[in-house]
Amino acid sequence: MKAVRSHDRDAAVKGLVVEEAPYPYAGSGDVVVRVRAASFTPEELAWSASWVDRSGRDRAPVIPGHEVSGEVAEVAVGTTGLSVGQRVIGLIDWNRDGSLAEYVAVEARNLVPLPAGIDHVEAAALPMPGLTAWQGLFVHGRLEAGQSVLVHGAGGGVGMAATQLARDAGARVIGSGRAGSRDRVLELGAEEFVDLEQPGWEEAVGRVNLVFDVLGGEVLDRSAALVTPGGTLVSIHEPPPVRPEDGRALFFIVEPDRDHLLEVLRRCREGRFHPLVGAVHPLDHAPEAFRAKKGTVGKTVIQVA
């Protein structure tokens, strides 16, 4: 099969090439998905988990990309719940080869059926931002209707997902970021927008029940003071160095979760959540798209078949 691979951890993104690779092996509990569309996280080849298996052994060369939309091509012995030809989407474990290939082996438990009304390109942009936002808001942040949430980096992929999902849940959403993303964030449902490049931006926020941070650094440092007693500061960038007074602070890494993905997908099907698709490229152009991703709006999607 054709795939995008990197052979050298030191070269990482610079070493990405499109080449022939072995057809994936499907173990017990797996299915092989014929990839129709895929997406990736620009930093993923800098993660240690991208280069080793679950036992910590080197597995180079590696195929990046962990968001997949396609059809089941093969069901392994011992796998239940999915059938050949079924449309599916999902998030692939970090310690396995990814979706920038014509075929990928995925644990069936990480896949959900894709409704006919959602196309593969849109679907490929959903798993990573959707799951990250869902888990940050409702699993770790314990957000409820009527509460307030400050979403740092609301103009990015995860931030835009969090803004939509929080608003849909009945929360009051304040989005933050650079001024250029103001209109987009407000259109997605934020009641207010805070320009982080303006001095004293904390005063414009006030106090909130939850801060959902995707930026880290000084913005994260200054956010603990904004959390109300009993509230939570959640970051996906780094562990918060300052804990809110009488509150919680935590860092998490998104995990594949079938039930959470079904919740996000249901909202997408009902028109309550919209993944933002940016540029769309063929598989042969994936290395260039991977290297050029930073600074663009929306998820870059690789259309494979």
Protein backbone atom coordinates (compact mmCIF):
# COMPACT_ATOMS: atom_id res chain seq x y z
CA MET A 1 0.00 0.00 0.00
CA LYS A 2 1.00 3.65 -0.30
CA ALA A 3 1.77 5.46 2.96
CA VAL A 4 3.47 8.50 4.45
CA ARG A 5 6.37 7.44 6.67
CA SER A 6 9.26 8.88 8.65
CA HIS A 7 12.27 6.62 9.22
CA ASP A 8 14.29 8.78 11.58
CA ARG A 9 13.15 10.32 14.85
CA ASP A 10 15.78 13.06 14.57
CA ALA A 11 14.54 13.99 11.10
CA ALA A 12 10.88 13.63 12.16
CA VAL A 13 8.70 15.88 9.95
CA LYS A 14 11.60 16.72 7.63
CA GLY A 15 12.03 13.02 6.96
CA LEU A 16 8.47 12.34 5.83
CA VAL A 17 8.20 10.52 2.49
CA VAL A 18 5.43 8.90 0.49
CA GLU A 19 6.39 5.30 -0.27
CA GLU A 20 5.23 1.71 -0.44
CA ALA A 21 4.65 0.14 2.98
CA PRO A 22 3.44 -3.27 4.20
CA TYR A 23 -0.29 -3.85 4.43
CA PRO A 24 -1.22 -3.55 8.14
CA TYR A 25 -1.60 -6.58 10.34
CA ALA A 26 -4.92 -6.86 12.18
CA GLY A 27 -4.66 -8.55 15.56
CA SER A 28 -7.48 -9.75 17.76
CA GLY A 29 -9.87 -6.88 18.41
CA ASP A 30 -8.70 -4.96 15.33
CA VAL A 31 -10.20 -4.04 12.01
CA VAL A 32 -8.39 -2.82 8.92
CA VAL A 33 -9.87 0.42 7.63
CA ARG A 34 -9.63 1.51 4.03
CA VAL A 35 -8.79 5.16 4.57
CA ARG A 36 -10.92 7.71 2.74
CA ALA A 37 -9.72 10.78 4.64
CA ALA A 38 -7.32 11.41 7.51
CA SER A 39 -5.96 14.19 9.65
CA PHE A 40 -3.01 14.78 11.95
CA THR A 41 -1.58 16.90 14.74
CA PRO A 42 1.40 19.01 13.60
CA GLU A 43 3.45 18.24 16.73
CA GLU A 44 2.82 14.50 16.90
CA LEU A 45 6.21 13.41 15.54
CA ALA A 46 7.82 15.23 18.48
CA TRP A 47 5.97 12.96 20.93
CA SER A 48 7.84 9.97 22.33
CA ALA A 49 4.74 7.80 22.02
CA SER A 50 4.78 8.28 18.25
CA TRP A 51 8.04 6.32 17.95
CA VAL A 52 7.56 3.35 20.30
CA ASP A 53 5.05 0.57 20.81
CA ARG A 54 3.21 -0.06 24.06
CA SER A 55 6.24 -1.93 25.41
CA GLY A 56 8.53 1.03 24.74
CA ARG A 57 10.30 -0.61 21.81
CA ASP A 58 11.29 1.46 18.78
CA ARG A 59 8.90 0.97 15.86
CA ALA A 60 10.43 3.18 13.16
CA PRO A 61 9.58 3.77 10.38
CA VAL A 62 6.30 5.25 11.55
CA ILE A 63 3.13 6.36 9.78
CA PRO A 64 1.70 9.53 11.38
CA GLY A 65 -1.90 10.75 11.54
CA HIS A 66 -4.34 9.46 14.13
CA GLU A 67 -7.72 10.66 12.87
CA VAL A 68 -9.35 8.38 10.35
CA SER A 69 -12.52 8.16 8.31
CA GLY A 70 -13.13 5.28 5.93
CA GLU A 71 -14.67 1.86 5.49
CA VAL A 72 -13.95 -1.43 7.21
CA ALA A 73 -11.94 -3.58 4.81
CA GLU A 74 -11.15 -6.50 7.08
CA VAL A 75 -12.36 -7.76 10.47
CA ALA A 76 -9.86 -9.79 12.51
CA VAL A 77 -10.74 -13.01 14.26
CA GLY A 78 -12.15 -12.19 17.69
CA THR A 79 -13.37 -8.73 16.69
CA THR A 80 -17.05 -7.94 17.09
CA GLY A 81 -19.35 -4.97 16.57
CA LEU A 82 -18.22 -3.91 13.09
CA SER A 83 -18.61 -5.42 9.64
CA VAL A 84 -16.83 -5.24 6.29
CA GLY A 85 -17.99 -2.25 4.24
CA GLN A 86 -19.22 -0.24 7.23
CA ARG A 87 -18.39 3.48 7.27
CA VAL A 88 -16.42 4.40 10.41
CA ILE A 89 -14.41 7.17 12.04
CA GLY A 90 -12.12 7.13 15.04
CA LEU A 91 -8.97 8.14 16.86
CA ILE A 92 -6.04 5.74 16.65
CA ASP A 93 -3.80 4.97 19.64
CA TRP A 94 -0.53 6.93 19.70
CA ASN A 95 1.63 3.79 19.86
CA ARG A 96 0.41 2.43 16.52
CA ASP A 97 0.87 3.41 12.90
CA GLY A 98 -1.54 6.09 11.84
CA SER A 99 -3.95 7.01 9.10
CA LEU A 100 -1.79 8.72 6.45
CA ALA A 101 -1.92 5.56 4.38
CA GLU A 102 -4.32 3.66 2.15
CA TYR A 103 -5.08 1.18 4.95
CA VAL A 104 -4.68 1.25 8.73
CA ALA A 105 -5.27 -1.31 11.50
CA VAL A 106 -7.35 0.14 14.34
CA GLU A 107 -8.79 -1.30 17.52
CA ALA A 108 -12.51 -1.70 16.89
CA ARG A 109 -13.28 -0.16 20.28
CA ASN A 110 -11.81 3.15 19.02
CA LEU A 111 -14.15 3.36 16.02
CA VAL A 112 -17.78 4.41 15.68
CA PRO A 113 -20.16 4.08 12.73
CA LEU A 114 -20.25 7.14 10.48
CA PRO A 115 -23.77 8.27 9.47
CA ALA A 116 -24.44 8.57 5.75
CA GLY A 117 -25.10 12.31 5.99
CA ILE A 118 -21.53 13.16 7.02
CA ASP A 119 -18.82 13.00 4.37
CA HIS A 120 -15.38 11.55 5.01
CA VAL A 121 -13.49 14.84 4.74
CA GLU A 122 -15.64 16.50 7.40
CA ALA A 123 -15.50 13.37 9.55
CA ALA A 124 -11.69 13.22 9.49
CA ALA A 125 -11.54 16.68 11.08
CA LEU A 126 -13.72 15.64 14.01
CA PRO A 127 -12.05 13.05 16.31
CA MET A 128 -9.06 14.89 17.78
CA PRO A 129 -10.57 18.34 18.46
CA GLY A 130 -13.96 16.87 19.31
CA LEU A 131 -12.67 14.32 21.81
CA THR A 132 -10.17 16.72 23.34
CA ALA A 133 -12.83 19.37 23.87
CA TRP A 134 -15.37 16.89 25.21
CA GLN A 135 -12.97 15.34 27.71
CA GLY A 136 -11.57 18.70 28.81
CA LEU A 137 -14.98 20.27 29.34
CA PHE A 138 -17.13 17.48 30.71
CA VAL A 139 -14.87 14.69 31.98
CA HIS A 140 -12.06 16.68 33.59
CA GLY A 141 -13.72 20.12 33.83
CA ARG A 142 -17.10 18.83 35.02
CA LEU A 143 -18.84 21.67 33.18
CA GLU A 144 -22.59 21.96 33.68
CA ALA A 145 -25.39 24.06 32.22
CA GLY A 146 -25.47 27.56 33.68
CA GLN A 147 -21.76 27.62 34.51
CA SER A 148 -19.15 29.83 32.86
CA VAL A 149 -16.05 28.73 30.95
CA LEU A 150 -13.08 30.65 29.57
CA VAL A 151 -11.63 28.94 26.49
CA HIS A 152 -8.07 30.06 25.82
CA GLY A 153 -7.10 29.73 22.16
CA ALA A 154 -10.75 29.66 21.10
CA GLY A 155 -9.79 30.36 17.48
CA GLY A 156 -7.86 27.08 17.10
CA GLY A 157 -9.20 23.64 16.28
CA VAL A 158 -9.67 22.40 19.85
CA GLY A 159 -10.76 25.84 21.06
CA MET A 160 -13.44 26.11 18.40
CA ALA A 161 -14.71 22.65 19.28
CA ALA A 162 -14.78 23.54 22.99
CA THR A 163 -16.63 26.78 22.30
CA GLN A 164 -19.36 24.99 20.36
CA LEU A 165 -19.76 22.09 22.78
CA ALA A 166 -19.81 24.30 25.87
CA ARG A 167 -22.39 26.61 24.33
CA ASP A 168 -24.51 23.64 23.30
CA ALA A 169 -24.39 22.38 26.89
CA GLY A 170 -25.90 25.63 28.16
CA ALA A 171 -22.72 27.20 29.54
CA ARG A 172 -21.70 30.83 29.23
CA VAL A 173 -18.60 30.89 27.01
CA ILE A 174 -15.84 33.48 26.96
CA GLY A 175 -13.33 32.93 24.17
CA SER A 176 -9.79 34.27 24.17
CA GLY A 177 -7.05 34.59 21.58
CA ARG A 178 -5.67 37.06 19.07
CA ALA A 179 -7.93 39.79 17.78
CA GLY A 180 -8.09 38.26 14.31
CA SER A 181 -10.12 35.32 15.59
CA ARG A 182 -12.74 37.44 17.35
CA ASP A 183 -15.51 37.23 14.73
CA ARG A 184 -15.05 33.51 14.18
CA VAL A 185 -15.20 32.74 17.91
CA LEU A 186 -18.31 34.85 18.46
CA GLU A 187 -20.02 33.21 15.48
CA LEU A 188 -19.41 29.81 17.10
CA GLY A 189 -21.32 30.79 20.21
CA ALA A 190 -19.02 32.64 22.59
CA GLU A 191 -20.79 35.47 24.40
CA GLU A 192 -17.61 37.47 24.78
CA PHE A 193 -14.13 37.58 23.28
CA VAL A 194 -10.96 38.62 25.12
CA ASP A 195 -7.88 39.79 23.23
CA LEU A 196 -4.90 38.22 25.00
CA GLU A 197 -2.54 40.76 23.45
CA GLN A 198 -4.20 43.55 25.41
CA PRO A 199 -2.79 44.35 28.88
CA GLY A 200 -4.98 43.47 31.80
CA TRP A 201 -7.09 41.01 29.86
CA GLU A 202 -7.96 39.23 33.13
CA GLU A 203 -10.14 42.17 34.17
CA ALA A 204 -12.31 41.65 31.10
CA VAL A 205 -12.88 38.02 32.08
CA GLY A 206 -13.82 38.25 35.73
CA ARG A 207 -14.30 34.89 37.47
CA VAL A 208 -15.34 31.64 35.80
CA ASN A 209 -16.13 28.09 36.87
CA LEU A 210 -13.75 26.55 34.35
CA VAL A 211 -10.70 27.65 32.40
CA PHE A 212 -9.93 25.39 29.41
CA ASP A 213 -6.41 26.21 28.21
CA VAL A 214 -4.71 25.14 24.99
CA LEU A 215 -1.93 27.76 25.02
CA GLY A 216 0.15 27.28 28.17
CA GLY A 217 2.88 29.69 29.25
CA GLU A 218 2.07 33.03 30.83
CA VAL A 219 -1.59 32.83 29.88
CA LEU A 220 -1.92 29.60 31.85
CA ASP A 221 0.04 31.07 34.79
CA ARG A 222 -2.33 34.03 35.05
CA SER A 223 -5.50 31.98 34.73
CA ALA A 224 -5.56 30.29 38.13
CA ALA A 225 -6.72 33.54 39.76
CA LEU A 226 -9.79 33.60 37.49
CA VAL A 227 -11.25 30.33 38.75
CA THR A 228 -14.08 30.52 41.29
CA PRO A 229 -13.90 28.42 44.50
CA GLY A 230 -14.63 24.82 43.60
CA GLY A 231 -13.80 25.47 39.95
CA THR A 232 -11.24 23.88 37.66
CA LEU A 233 -8.26 24.89 35.54
CA VAL A 234 -7.68 22.37 32.73
CA SER A 235 -4.77 22.50 30.28
CA ILE A 236 -3.83 20.33 27.32
CA HIS A 237 -0.55 22.20 26.82
CA GLU A 238 1.31 21.60 30.09
CA PRO A 239 0.65 20.92 33.78
CA PRO A 240 -0.64 24.15 35.38
CA PRO A 241 2.11 25.60 37.61
CA VAL A 242 -0.41 27.47 39.77
CA ARG A 243 -3.45 25.90 41.38
CA PRO A 244 -6.64 27.94 41.84
CA GLU A 245 -7.48 28.77 45.44
CA ASP A 246 -10.06 26.21 46.62
CA GLY A 247 -10.06 24.70 43.12
CA ARG A 248 -8.57 22.00 40.94
CA ALA A 249 -5.79 22.17 38.34
CA LEU A 250 -4.91 19.41 35.91
CA PHE A 251 -3.25 18.51 32.64
CA PHE A 252 -4.52 15.73 30.39
CA ILE A 253 -3.82 14.03 27.08
CA VAL A 254 -6.80 13.08 24.97
CA GLU A 255 -7.64 9.38 24.80
CA PRO A 256 -9.66 7.42 22.27
CA ASP A 257 -13.11 6.81 23.73
CA ARG A 258 -16.01 5.36 21.81
CA ASP A 259 -18.77 6.76 24.02
CA HIS A 260 -17.32 10.28 24.00
CA LEU A 261 -16.89 10.19 20.23
CA LEU A 262 -20.48 9.07 19.79
CA GLU A 263 -21.65 12.08 21.81
CA VAL A 264 -19.70 14.50 19.61
CA LEU A 265 -20.77 12.74 16.42
CA ARG A 266 -24.42 12.89 17.46
CA ARG A 267 -24.18 16.65 17.85
CA CYS A 268 -22.52 16.89 14.45
CA ARG A 269 -25.30 14.86 12.85
CA GLU A 270 -27.92 17.08 14.49
CA GLY A 271 -26.21 20.28 13.30
CA ARG A 272 -25.19 21.34 16.81
CA PHE A 273 -21.44 20.92 16.24
CA HIS A 274 -19.39 21.63 13.13
CA PRO A 275 -15.77 20.52 12.73
CA LEU A 276 -13.78 23.15 10.86
CA VAL A 277 -12.05 21.83 7.75
CA GLY A 278 -9.13 23.87 6.48
CA ALA A 279 -7.03 22.80 3.50
CA VAL A 280 -7.63 19.44 1.79
CA HIS A 281 -4.70 17.67 0.08
CA PRO A 282 -4.14 14.32 -1.65
CA LEU A 283 -1.95 11.69 0.04
CA ASP A 284 1.01 12.47 -2.22
CA HIS A 285 1.09 16.02 -0.84
CA ALA A 286 0.79 15.00 2.82
CA PRO A 287 4.46 15.61 3.76
CA GLU A 288 4.27 19.21 2.49
CA ALA A 289 0.91 19.71 4.23
CA PHE A 290 2.34 18.34 7.47
CA ARG A 291 5.27 20.73 7.34
CA ALA A 292 3.09 23.74 6.42
CA LYS A 293 0.24 23.19 8.91
CA LYS A 294 1.10 25.67 11.67
CA GLY A 295 -0.68 28.98 11.46
CA THR A 296 -3.55 27.83 9.22
CA VAL A 297 -7.22 27.91 10.21
CA GLY A 298 -9.08 24.62 10.55
CA LYS A 299 -7.94 21.02 10.37
CA THR A 300 -5.85 20.04 7.37
CA VAL A 301 -7.39 16.92 5.89
CA ILE A 302 -5.66 14.38 3.66
CA GLN A 303 -8.04 12.86 1.12
CA VAL A 304 -6.73 9.36 0.50
CA ALA A 305 -9.32 7.56 -1.62
